[in-house]
Amino acid sequence: MWQPLPFLTLLLLGVACEGSQAAPSAASRRLLDAQLSQDSTFTTQEGNGTDEARLIPGSIVNGQLLGPPLEGVAADEACSAACRAEPRCRWFAYCGLPQGGCKAANGAQLLAYRQCQLLTGNCSLHISVTHLDGITSGFPVRLDGVMQISGFVEFPAQGIEGGDMQCPESLAPDTCSFRSPLAAAAMCIRIPACRAVVVFPNGTDGCSAEPVALLKTAGLNPVDGFVSDRVYTLQVAKYQSEESSFWLTAGEGNVLLPSASELSAGDAALSAPDAWKGCIWGGNAIYDGQVVDTLDGVASPEACCRACHARQARCNVWNWCDPAVAVKGTCFYQDTTLTRETVVLNASQCQLRYQELAAPEVGTPPVLLAKGPAVPFAAGAPISVWAPEQPGFQRFIGRSLFAWGQYPCEGSLRPQAGECLLQAPVEQLASECAANDTCVALLYKPGGFINGTAQLASLAYFKSDANPASHGRIAEHQPLDSSALPSSMLSAGLSAALPPGSSVASTAHAVSSGRMHAHAAKNSSSNSGPDVLEELMGHVATRDAVQQACSLPRSTDSSEPGLWMAERLPSRLHEWMVDPENIEYLRWPNGKLMELGQGASAHVYKALFNGELVACKEIDLEQSKEMQEAFVTEATRLHALRHPNIIAFFGICVANGKGIVIMEFAEGRDLHAALQVKASGSDQRLFGWQRRGRRVAFELAKAVNYLHSKDVIHFDLKSQNVLLTANGAVRLGDVGFSKLKEKTFITHVPLVGTFAWIAPEVLLGRAQVDQAADIFSLGVVMWEIVTGERPQRGSLRMPRVPEECPQEVSDLIMQCLSEEPCERPTAAQLLKTLSGMLERSKTAAHSAHSAHRAAAATDAGAQEQVSPPVSPSAGWPETPR
């Protein structure tokens, strides 16, 4: 019978449910978060391939037992599925040790091999955990109750500690908190500093009847993130963190007004809720939102908009596939940032969607999923508000001043946002604005949040002349708004200006105290030549086009002095310090920075260093002491590890609180993204084993063998970290976070790596881990090369022999994936085996080539009397370089 460890009750730091909203003490929360941080857990999929589970390997949780353990459970994912099926189950514990099962420190039997114990929690937000080899604890990620809000990406079971904001109407002091997640989200997009909303469905004590939603100034990151089954985060999507990309602006879209006959009905008739008031729409854009329906054979954007209007409250935005821009009868878009959403419509199809924040009772402009040349859709929204014209004002239907001219005023319903929001009939609101010297325009809406509750009311946002730039008209880069009626005072000759942060209003900002300059991208000669893989570079060009459309201008400038100066770097790195004058950040023609990738704590940009293309990895040193240590560790490790198949280190720069690691730029990007690229004129994958994949595996093994010869373990080998040059050569990345092995093994290994690639001994929290952990991960990468599929832990199929690879390759992969580290080959053995395979393939290819030439010569001789000479045949079987 499984029993909880006796001392675990002393570690239970969750707050008991007594009807209060008090959070755990700061000390308790810090300890809990250290135990259940994001990088201490892994996400995996249960057997159905859809539901997710959070696993905490090598740990056991304290909770109340739900009956006896389940017997013969095949894997921890199956244990999670069993917990999901039991409504009372919050957590589970699973034993994966075949020899002797899982035992406590005193030798007492806790669980037998493949036993699964279901647990229910007490009234707490967190459950305490402690390290124990062989046991995997976790919980099923339940999506019911997780609110989906357009413009935000939901992260179930993840929260953010710290980064709180303050607002006068908050539920609790020193925070900006609301009962409604929708109210919190609507407030968040109005406040530039807000980056996320953390929602506690059962309150901050873990078991209250009402939710609490907290606004945060930072998004999810490994330092401040924590994991719980009773929390989720709504994070502002990266590409929507600037107003210019958050909405469809006036300069990018159109306002389609009702026909003359419809307008003749008069303002009173047009103000009715079901009256057709027109539409906002634009090309090369796609709106976010929940899909309501998809209609076939819709002739025009107006027809699509009218179809959305006919659904009334069930539809407020739409997307349409224009036959004129459809490729082979299809419009396609795949988001490459947080949402990962894919949208596919056939020509003349109209997709109807609904956005919570664009509803009249909430009153924010509809938000985009994406816009730009790579987005082959038209997008729009039916206008939902109409009001009579007012003396002294010019009416702009469907045009917004949402993010411009805010100022506080007495009696405002939203003082916490610094806005002048008043409630009254539209005639009275116009009169008050006209009599107020500060007010030059008003934004009329039929609804909005009042005291945290969405409701229909006659509201107006009063606007000041904070930044006049448009001289009597709504600026071209103000958002189009289907639920707004902006007006400007003609008598004053003033109107809306460009919103703060607009990409048009902003000048090209300098980086690092004005010394790192941003320039337009230059053509690189390194992307040409006889050895360049045209298929690979075509794939990169396609990805770049999508990124150019979706990425944002991002300032790396800081107005505050750096808190962590270059003088604090280790002396061995001083000679590698780079003058920021020698670094030029590259931009797309539209002014957006060329971002190569991002993580929770760093961004990587394309740049020029002394005229050479490089990758610059920026780390925010002022974020935490851990980020400072990570920067020094990465720079030191890259400086020490030099190999042709490892990303080269060029230098470092520290300025304005940013640490910048300058590295080699790999034009072919990463193997993970290139696995499905097809060889020219063939249905075969370019990086399949029979083509270039075996060379990639060989060069990757060379890099790993070099690391192991230096007593370094990478710990995060995966296809995303296998970078490629333009000719397909391997450059192993992320070696800066590898671990130095000072003994024959490493003890107290943190849970590093990515779940599908990580070795089982690391997952199980074994006390001693050596280089064999990298061999397991390398085996997964080889499996990816052979199959072209994304790995799912516990579901790796056998390679198809001989279609995908020879039998000896399949056997080698299985040997690398052995559960027991001692049964895996060393890096040197693996390199020798792969080298032999490569030589044999070269010999076979050369023999085939010679036989082909001999046959061609024989045929030519036989036909010499009757045929003119012909050129040699092209397209010999490919031999690995």
Foldseek 3Di string as FASTA:
>chain_A
DADPDPCQVVLFQADADPQDQDAGDPVNVVVQQVQFFPLQWFWFAAPVRPWIKIKRFQKDWDFAWDDDWDPDAPDVSSLQVVQVVDVQFFKKKAFQDQPPTWADPVRHHRDHHGTMITGGHGQGQGIDMDGGFRMMMIHIQDCVPPDDFFQWDKFTQKDFDDQADDFDLDPDPPHRKFQDPLLVVLVQVQALQFFKKKKQQCHNSRHHNTIMITTGSADDFRPGMGGGSGMMMTGRWQLLSFVLQFFQFQLFKDWFADDPVLCVVDQVVCQDQLRQGTKIKGFQFAFDAAWDDKDADADDPRSLQVVQSVVRQQFFKKKAAAPVQADVQKFWDADPTDPRDIDIDGHGMMITGDGPCQGQLANDAGTTPFGDPNGRIMMMGGARHTDDDAPQKDKDGQFDLSQAAAAADPPAQGVRSRWRKDFDPPHVVVVVLVVDPFFFKKKWFQHHDGSSDRDGGTMIIGGGPPDFDDFQDADRSTHGGSGIMMIGRVVVRTDTDHGPRHLVPDDQDAAFVNQAGEDADDDDPQLDDDLFQPLLLVLLVSVQNSCLRRAAADYNHDPDFAPDDPVPAPPVQPVQEDDSNQKYFYAHPSSHTAWLDDDSFWTWGWIGGNRHIWIKIKGQQVPDVVSVVLLNLLLVQLVVDDDPQAWHWRGWYDGDRIIITITHDASSQFQLSQLCRCHPPDNHRCLFCQHAVLVLLLSVLVSLLSCVVQQKAQQADDRNQFGAHSSGGTHGDPSSPIDHHPDQWAAPDRSDYHVQQFAVCSSSRPGTHGNLRVLSSSLVRSLCNQPVDDGRPPDRDQRDPPVRHHPVSSVLSVQSNDNDSVSHDHSVVVSVVSVVVLVVQQVVLVVQVVVVVVVVVVVCVVCVVPDDDDDDDDDRRDRHD
